[in-house]
Amino acid sequence: MPRILIVEDNEENRDALSRRLKRRGFDVVIAVDGLQGVAMAKSEKPDLILMDMNLPELDGWEATRQVKAAEETKNVPVIALTAHALAGDKERALAAGCTDYHTKPVELPKLLEQIEAILKARPAV
């Protein structure tokens, strides 16, 4: 079962998303800020990361750049989760190294489609 790392500081968002993904058969691990997210990306070896972009300690933009810069995590796909839906935000997320972008509030059917498409396209390791 694919492992998903959720990096999200909002407890309600984190818990709701975690429960919904677990019900769909995913193994879910959680980080509550960008620093913990980078560390857990290395230690937990997730198949995919859902990265909130507005995080304490280290924002999602920089956390994604660090994940992508590290040899052991550079190939882990990252989906940006953000309430920012301004022009240029998607491009900014992709420039930081995100594979895809999803605006909040999370639309679970659409997010699941994104996750499945990314995991399916990923080369076997």
Foldseek 3Di string as FASTA:
>chain_A
DFEEEEAAQDPVLVVVVVVVVVVVPYHYDYHNFLVVSLVCCQVVVGQAYEAEQCGPPAGRLVSLLSLCVDPSRVQRAYEYEYQDPDPPPQVSSVVSPHPYYAYPPGPVVVVVVVVVVVSVPRDDD
